[in-house]
N, C-alpha and C. Protein backbone atom coordinates (compact mmCIF):
# COMPACT_ATOMS: atom_id res chain seq x y z
N MET A 1 -44.05 18.40 -47.24
CA MET A 1 -44.93 17.48 -46.61
C MET A 1 -46.04 17.01 -47.54
N VAL A 2 -46.42 17.83 -48.47
CA VAL A 2 -47.46 17.42 -49.40
C VAL A 2 -46.99 16.21 -50.20
N ASP A 3 -45.70 16.16 -50.53
CA ASP A 3 -45.18 15.00 -51.24
C ASP A 3 -45.24 13.74 -50.36
N VAL A 4 -45.01 13.90 -49.07
CA VAL A 4 -45.12 12.76 -48.14
C VAL A 4 -46.58 12.30 -48.07
N TYR A 5 -47.49 13.24 -47.94
CA TYR A 5 -48.92 12.91 -47.90
C TYR A 5 -49.31 12.15 -49.17
N ASP A 6 -48.89 12.66 -50.31
CA ASP A 6 -49.21 12.00 -51.58
C ASP A 6 -48.61 10.60 -51.63
N ALA A 7 -47.36 10.46 -51.21
CA ALA A 7 -46.70 9.15 -51.23
C ALA A 7 -47.42 8.16 -50.31
N LEU A 8 -47.88 8.63 -49.17
CA LEU A 8 -48.55 7.75 -48.22
C LEU A 8 -49.95 7.34 -48.68
N THR A 9 -50.63 8.21 -49.39
CA THR A 9 -52.02 7.95 -49.76
C THR A 9 -52.21 7.41 -51.17
N SER A 10 -51.13 7.28 -51.91
CA SER A 10 -51.22 6.79 -53.29
C SER A 10 -50.71 5.35 -53.38
N PRO A 11 -51.36 4.54 -54.21
CA PRO A 11 -50.84 3.18 -54.42
C PRO A 11 -49.44 3.24 -55.06
N ARG A 12 -48.59 2.35 -54.65
CA ARG A 12 -47.24 2.28 -55.19
C ARG A 12 -46.95 0.86 -55.65
N ILE A 13 -46.11 0.73 -56.62
CA ILE A 13 -45.73 -0.58 -57.15
C ILE A 13 -45.03 -1.43 -56.10
N TYR A 14 -44.29 -0.79 -55.22
CA TYR A 14 -43.47 -1.52 -54.25
C TYR A 14 -44.21 -1.86 -52.95
N ARG A 15 -45.48 -1.46 -52.82
CA ARG A 15 -46.26 -1.85 -51.65
C ARG A 15 -47.74 -1.91 -52.02
N GLU A 16 -48.43 -2.84 -51.41
CA GLU A 16 -49.84 -3.04 -51.73
C GLU A 16 -50.75 -2.09 -50.97
N LEU A 17 -50.48 -1.91 -49.69
CA LEU A 17 -51.33 -1.08 -48.86
C LEU A 17 -50.89 0.37 -48.89
N PHE A 18 -51.84 1.25 -48.75
CA PHE A 18 -51.51 2.66 -48.60
C PHE A 18 -52.40 3.26 -47.53
N TYR A 19 -52.00 4.41 -47.02
CA TYR A 19 -52.67 5.06 -45.90
C TYR A 19 -53.96 5.73 -46.36
N THR A 20 -54.94 5.77 -45.47
CA THR A 20 -56.10 6.61 -45.70
C THR A 20 -55.66 8.06 -45.45
N SER A 21 -56.49 8.99 -45.80
CA SER A 21 -56.17 10.40 -45.56
C SER A 21 -55.94 10.65 -44.07
N ASP A 22 -56.82 10.12 -43.23
CA ASP A 22 -56.68 10.31 -41.78
C ASP A 22 -55.41 9.68 -41.24
N GLU A 23 -55.04 8.50 -41.74
CA GLU A 23 -53.81 7.84 -41.31
C GLU A 23 -52.58 8.63 -41.73
N ALA A 24 -52.60 9.18 -42.94
CA ALA A 24 -51.47 9.97 -43.42
C ALA A 24 -51.32 11.25 -42.59
N ILE A 25 -52.44 11.89 -42.27
CA ILE A 25 -52.40 13.09 -41.44
C ILE A 25 -51.85 12.74 -40.05
N ALA A 26 -52.29 11.63 -39.49
CA ALA A 26 -51.79 11.20 -38.18
C ALA A 26 -50.29 10.94 -38.23
N TYR A 27 -49.82 10.31 -39.29
CA TYR A 27 -48.39 10.05 -39.46
C TYR A 27 -47.60 11.36 -39.47
N ILE A 28 -48.08 12.31 -40.25
CA ILE A 28 -47.39 13.60 -40.35
C ILE A 28 -47.40 14.31 -39.00
N GLU A 29 -48.53 14.29 -38.31
CA GLU A 29 -48.61 14.92 -36.99
C GLU A 29 -47.65 14.27 -36.00
N GLU A 30 -47.56 12.94 -36.03
CA GLU A 30 -46.67 12.22 -35.12
C GLU A 30 -45.20 12.55 -35.34
N HIS A 31 -44.87 12.95 -36.56
CA HIS A 31 -43.48 13.24 -36.89
C HIS A 31 -43.15 14.74 -36.88
N ALA A 32 -44.11 15.55 -36.45
CA ALA A 32 -43.86 16.99 -36.31
C ALA A 32 -42.81 17.19 -35.23
N GLY A 33 -41.81 17.98 -35.51
CA GLY A 33 -40.75 18.24 -34.55
C GLY A 33 -39.65 17.19 -34.57
N ILE A 34 -39.88 16.09 -35.27
CA ILE A 34 -38.88 15.02 -35.40
C ILE A 34 -38.36 15.00 -36.83
N GLN A 35 -39.27 14.73 -37.74
CA GLN A 35 -38.91 14.66 -39.16
C GLN A 35 -39.33 15.92 -39.91
N PHE A 36 -40.37 16.58 -39.42
CA PHE A 36 -40.94 17.75 -40.09
C PHE A 36 -40.97 18.94 -39.17
N ASP A 37 -40.81 20.12 -39.72
CA ASP A 37 -40.93 21.37 -38.96
C ASP A 37 -42.38 21.53 -38.50
N PRO A 38 -42.59 21.74 -37.20
CA PRO A 38 -43.96 21.83 -36.68
C PRO A 38 -44.81 22.92 -37.34
N GLU A 39 -44.23 24.05 -37.65
CA GLU A 39 -44.99 25.12 -38.31
C GLU A 39 -45.40 24.72 -39.72
N CYS A 40 -44.53 24.02 -40.41
CA CYS A 40 -44.87 23.53 -41.76
C CYS A 40 -45.97 22.47 -41.67
N VAL A 41 -45.90 21.63 -40.65
CA VAL A 41 -46.95 20.62 -40.45
C VAL A 41 -48.29 21.32 -40.23
N ARG A 42 -48.33 22.29 -39.34
CA ARG A 42 -49.57 23.01 -39.06
C ARG A 42 -50.14 23.62 -40.33
N ALA A 43 -49.30 24.33 -41.08
CA ALA A 43 -49.78 24.99 -42.30
C ALA A 43 -50.25 23.98 -43.34
N THR A 44 -49.50 22.92 -43.52
CA THR A 44 -49.87 21.90 -44.50
C THR A 44 -51.18 21.22 -44.11
N LEU A 45 -51.32 20.86 -42.85
CA LEU A 45 -52.54 20.19 -42.42
C LEU A 45 -53.75 21.12 -42.46
N ASP A 46 -53.54 22.41 -42.22
CA ASP A 46 -54.64 23.37 -42.38
C ASP A 46 -55.17 23.35 -43.81
N VAL A 47 -54.25 23.33 -44.76
CA VAL A 47 -54.65 23.32 -46.17
C VAL A 47 -55.32 22.00 -46.54
N LEU A 48 -54.73 20.88 -46.10
CA LEU A 48 -55.32 19.58 -46.41
C LEU A 48 -56.73 19.45 -45.82
N ARG A 49 -56.90 19.91 -44.60
CA ARG A 49 -58.22 19.83 -43.96
C ARG A 49 -59.23 20.75 -44.65
N ALA A 50 -58.79 21.93 -45.05
CA ALA A 50 -59.67 22.85 -45.78
C ALA A 50 -60.08 22.23 -47.10
N GLN A 51 -59.14 21.60 -47.76
CA GLN A 51 -59.44 20.95 -49.03
C GLN A 51 -60.44 19.82 -48.83
N ALA A 52 -60.28 19.06 -47.76
CA ALA A 52 -61.20 17.96 -47.46
C ALA A 52 -62.62 18.47 -47.20
N ARG A 53 -62.72 19.70 -46.66
CA ARG A 53 -64.04 20.29 -46.42
C ARG A 53 -64.60 20.96 -47.66
N GLY A 54 -63.83 20.95 -48.74
CA GLY A 54 -64.30 21.53 -49.98
C GLY A 54 -64.02 23.01 -50.13
N LEU A 55 -63.18 23.54 -49.25
CA LEU A 55 -62.80 24.94 -49.36
C LEU A 55 -61.66 25.08 -50.36
N HIS A 56 -61.69 26.13 -51.12
CA HIS A 56 -60.65 26.32 -52.12
C HIS A 56 -59.66 27.42 -51.75
N GLN A 57 -59.92 28.08 -50.66
CA GLN A 57 -59.02 29.13 -50.22
C GLN A 57 -58.15 28.61 -49.09
N ILE A 58 -56.95 29.14 -49.01
CA ILE A 58 -56.05 28.78 -47.91
C ILE A 58 -56.58 29.47 -46.65
N PRO A 59 -56.74 28.71 -45.55
CA PRO A 59 -57.26 29.32 -44.32
C PRO A 59 -56.29 30.31 -43.72
N ASP A 60 -56.82 31.26 -42.90
CA ASP A 60 -55.96 32.25 -42.24
C ASP A 60 -55.13 31.63 -41.17
């Protein structure tokens, strides 16, 4: 999922617009249980949110 987050939030040659961090997180959440394993989504988003808050440790 981190690769999906990166792909959504990074500029690409083949598209002009890219997602904000919040939009990318919403996309991943919307696809939990469909495209992504819900437990992996939870763990990935916990890490992304901790990183956004400036924490360097993986949350419990």
